[in-house]
Amino acid sequence: MSWTRTTAAAAAGAVALGLLAGCNAGGSSGAADQGGTAPTVRVQAGTQQVTVQPTQYCLDGSGERYAGTPPVVEVPADSTIALTVSDAVAEQGWSVQVFDDQLQERLGDVDVEDGTRVFTGINSSDVVPASFYLVVVEDSDDDTCNGLSGAWPVGFIRAGDTAAPTG
C-alpha cells in the first residue's frame, strides 16, 4: 500500500467527484457482462457492512452519472476497513482516494495491487480527521466515456465524533 498526502486546493463537492475519476483515461470495466448495470462496492468496518452505489460509471461505452447520497458509516477507532469490488473492477484495476469530510479536499491516495478484489489495507485511524470519505476509483486505459471512470464514495466517522461527513 502506498499512502501519499497532498494539499490539493478545495473544490466544490460535485466538481471533486467529476475530477477524481476524470483523471483516468476513461473506460468500461465490463459491466455489460454483469447484465448492463453498474457494479457496487461493499464496505465493511467493524460490525457494519454497506453496499455503495457508484456516483459515476462508464457503462457499455456510455458515461453515466448517478444521483444519490453516499452512505456514511460510524466506525470504532483502529478498525480495519475492508473494500470489496466486483471481479470486473478488480480486473480493470482500482485505487482509493481519501477526502476530507466535505468531499472537497483530497488528502491522499492509496494504491491497490492490480487484480485485488478485497482490500483491507486501510484502518479507520489512518486518516487524521475523524470524519472523512474514501472514494474507490476504477482505473481506465482507453478513450471510452470521455475520461469518465467509476467512482464509489463512502463517508466514515470515528465513534465519539459528532461531525459526520457532509459532502
Protein backbone atom coordinates (compact mmCIF):
# COMPACT_ATOMS: atom_id res chain seq x y z
CA MET A 1 0.00 0.00 0.00
CA SER A 2 1.19 3.48 -0.83
CA TRP A 3 -0.17 6.44 1.15
CA THR A 4 0.52 9.88 -0.29
CA ARG A 5 -0.56 13.11 1.46
CA THR A 6 -1.39 16.05 -0.76
CA THR A 7 -2.58 19.57 -0.10
CA ALA A 8 -5.00 19.95 -3.02
CA ALA A 9 -6.98 23.16 -3.17
CA ALA A 10 -10.60 22.80 -2.10
CA ALA A 11 -13.14 22.43 -4.89
CA ALA A 12 -16.89 22.04 -4.92
CA GLY A 13 -18.05 18.54 -3.95
CA ALA A 14 -19.65 17.84 -7.29
CA VAL A 15 -16.57 19.05 -9.15
CA ALA A 16 -14.34 16.94 -6.93
CA LEU A 17 -16.25 13.82 -7.84
CA GLY A 18 -16.05 14.70 -11.51
CA LEU A 19 -12.34 15.32 -11.34
CA LEU A 20 -11.35 12.35 -9.23
CA ALA A 21 -12.50 9.85 -11.79
CA GLY A 22 -11.77 12.08 -14.75
CA CYS A 23 -8.05 11.92 -14.01
CA ASN A 24 -8.10 8.47 -15.57
CA ALA A 25 -8.33 7.97 -19.31
CA GLY A 26 -11.88 6.56 -19.22
CA GLY A 27 -13.14 3.08 -19.91
CA SER A 28 -15.57 0.37 -19.09
CA SER A 29 -14.84 -2.43 -16.67
CA GLY A 30 -17.14 -4.81 -18.47
CA ALA A 31 -20.45 -4.03 -16.80
CA ALA A 32 -22.16 -5.38 -19.89
CA ASP A 33 -21.01 -8.80 -18.70
CA GLN A 34 -22.87 -8.11 -15.43
CA GLY A 35 -26.28 -7.60 -17.03
CA GLY A 36 -25.87 -3.95 -18.04
CA THR A 37 -25.82 -2.44 -14.56
CA ALA A 38 -23.04 -0.61 -12.82
CA PRO A 39 -21.33 -2.69 -10.14
CA THR A 40 -21.46 -1.81 -6.46
CA VAL A 41 -18.70 -1.77 -3.84
CA ARG A 42 -19.11 -3.48 -0.47
CA VAL A 43 -17.62 -1.77 2.57
CA GLN A 44 -17.15 -3.46 5.93
CA ALA A 45 -15.84 -1.70 9.02
CA GLY A 46 -16.24 -3.12 12.50
CA THR A 47 -19.66 -4.79 12.61
CA GLN A 48 -21.14 -2.62 9.85
CA GLN A 49 -21.42 -3.56 6.22
CA VAL A 50 -22.84 -1.31 3.48
CA THR A 51 -23.24 -1.52 -0.27
CA VAL A 52 -22.08 1.59 -2.11
CA GLN A 53 -23.64 2.65 -5.41
CA PRO A 54 -21.47 4.50 -7.93
CA THR A 55 -21.79 8.25 -8.43
CA GLN A 56 -20.43 7.78 -11.94
CA TYR A 57 -19.55 4.88 -14.17
CA CYS A 58 -18.73 4.03 -17.78
CA LEU A 59 -21.49 1.58 -18.69
CA ASP A 60 -21.40 -0.13 -22.07
CA GLY A 61 -19.31 2.70 -23.53
CA SER A 62 -21.55 5.47 -22.22
CA GLY A 63 -20.61 7.70 -19.29
CA GLU A 64 -23.31 7.70 -16.63
CA ARG A 65 -23.65 9.92 -13.55
CA TYR A 66 -26.00 8.84 -10.78
CA ALA A 67 -27.92 10.86 -8.21
CA GLY A 68 -27.77 9.82 -4.59
CA THR A 69 -26.10 10.45 -1.30
CA PRO A 70 -23.05 8.41 -0.36
CA PRO A 71 -23.52 6.29 2.76
CA VAL A 72 -21.81 7.29 6.00
CA VAL A 73 -20.52 4.59 8.34
CA GLU A 74 -19.69 5.09 12.01
CA VAL A 75 -16.60 3.08 12.88
CA PRO A 76 -14.61 2.48 16.06
CA ALA A 77 -11.07 3.82 16.16
CA ASP A 78 -8.39 1.41 14.97
CA SER A 79 -10.79 -0.67 12.85
CA THR A 80 -9.86 -2.31 9.56
CA ILE A 81 -11.89 -1.02 6.63
CA ALA A 82 -12.49 -3.73 4.02
CA LEU A 83 -13.37 -2.66 0.48
CA THR A 84 -14.70 -5.31 -1.92
CA VAL A 85 -15.10 -4.62 -5.64
CA SER A 86 -16.60 -6.71 -8.43
CA ASP A 87 -14.43 -9.07 -10.46
CA ALA A 88 -14.68 -6.68 -13.44
CA VAL A 89 -13.41 -3.69 -11.42
CA ALA A 90 -10.63 -5.82 -9.91
CA GLU A 91 -9.55 -6.86 -13.41
CA GLN A 92 -9.61 -3.26 -14.64
CA GLY A 93 -7.70 -2.06 -11.55
CA TRP A 94 -8.63 0.48 -8.90
CA SER A 95 -7.33 2.73 -6.15
CA VAL A 96 -8.71 4.62 -3.16
CA GLN A 97 -8.74 8.39 -2.83
CA VAL A 98 -9.03 9.90 0.67
CA PHE A 99 -11.05 13.11 1.02
CA ASP A 100 -12.00 15.44 3.86
CA ASP A 101 -15.46 15.39 5.47
CA GLN A 102 -16.82 17.77 2.83
CA LEU A 103 -15.60 15.64 -0.09
CA GLN A 104 -13.73 18.69 -1.35
CA GLU A 105 -10.05 18.35 -0.44
CA ARG A 106 -8.18 15.24 -1.45
CA LEU A 107 -5.95 14.23 1.44
CA GLY A 108 -4.21 11.30 -0.18
CA ASP A 109 -4.23 8.23 -2.37
CA VAL A 110 -3.96 4.55 -1.60
CA ASP A 111 -2.67 2.24 -4.32
CA VAL A 112 -4.29 -1.17 -4.62
CA GLU A 113 -2.40 -4.03 -6.24
CA ASP A 114 -3.70 -5.00 -9.67
CA GLY A 115 -6.29 -7.78 -9.61
CA THR A 116 -7.20 -7.24 -5.94
CA ARG A 117 -10.88 -7.83 -5.22
CA VAL A 118 -10.81 -7.32 -1.42
CA PHE A 119 -8.56 -4.64 0.07
CA THR A 120 -8.02 -4.38 3.83
CA GLY A 121 -5.06 -2.02 3.91
CA ILE A 122 -6.84 1.00 5.45
CA ASN A 123 -7.51 1.47 9.15
CA SER A 124 -10.08 3.94 10.50
CA SER A 125 -7.29 5.63 12.48
CA ASP A 126 -5.03 6.07 9.42
CA VAL A 127 -6.79 9.28 8.41
CA VAL A 128 -6.06 12.37 10.54
CA PRO A 129 -9.55 13.95 10.55
CA ALA A 130 -12.09 11.87 12.48
CA SER A 131 -14.60 12.31 9.63
CA PHE A 132 -13.52 11.54 6.08
CA TYR A 133 -14.51 9.98 2.78
CA LEU A 134 -12.91 7.12 0.91
CA VAL A 135 -13.62 7.00 -2.82
CA VAL A 136 -12.98 3.80 -4.74
CA VAL A 137 -11.85 4.89 -8.21
CA GLU A 138 -11.67 2.46 -11.09
CA ASP A 139 -8.58 2.60 -13.34
CA SER A 140 -9.09 3.18 -17.04
CA ASP A 141 -6.87 2.69 -20.04
CA ASP A 142 -8.86 3.67 -23.15
CA ASP A 143 -10.79 6.59 -24.63
CA THR A 144 -14.29 5.34 -23.81
CA CYS A 145 -16.64 7.73 -21.98
CA ASN A 146 -14.51 10.87 -22.46
CA GLY A 147 -12.32 10.23 -19.43
CA LEU A 148 -15.06 9.10 -17.04
CA SER A 149 -14.35 6.09 -14.84
CA GLY A 150 -16.19 4.50 -11.93
CA ALA A 151 -16.34 6.26 -8.55
CA TRP A 152 -17.87 4.94 -5.31
CA PRO A 153 -17.69 7.37 -2.34
CA VAL A 154 -18.39 6.35 1.26
CA GLY A 155 -18.11 8.54 4.36
CA PHE A 156 -16.68 7.50 7.72
CA ILE A 157 -16.90 8.96 11.18
CA ARG A 158 -14.93 7.51 14.05
CA ALA A 159 -17.12 6.70 17.06
CA GLY A 160 -17.36 9.53 19.55
CA ASP A 161 -17.01 12.29 16.93
CA THR A 162 -20.11 14.42 16.41
CA ALA A 163 -19.49 15.84 12.93
CA ALA A 164 -20.49 13.44 10.16
CA PRO A 165 -19.19 13.86 6.60
CA THR A 166 -21.48 16.20 4.68
CA GLY A 167 -20.22 16.02 1.08
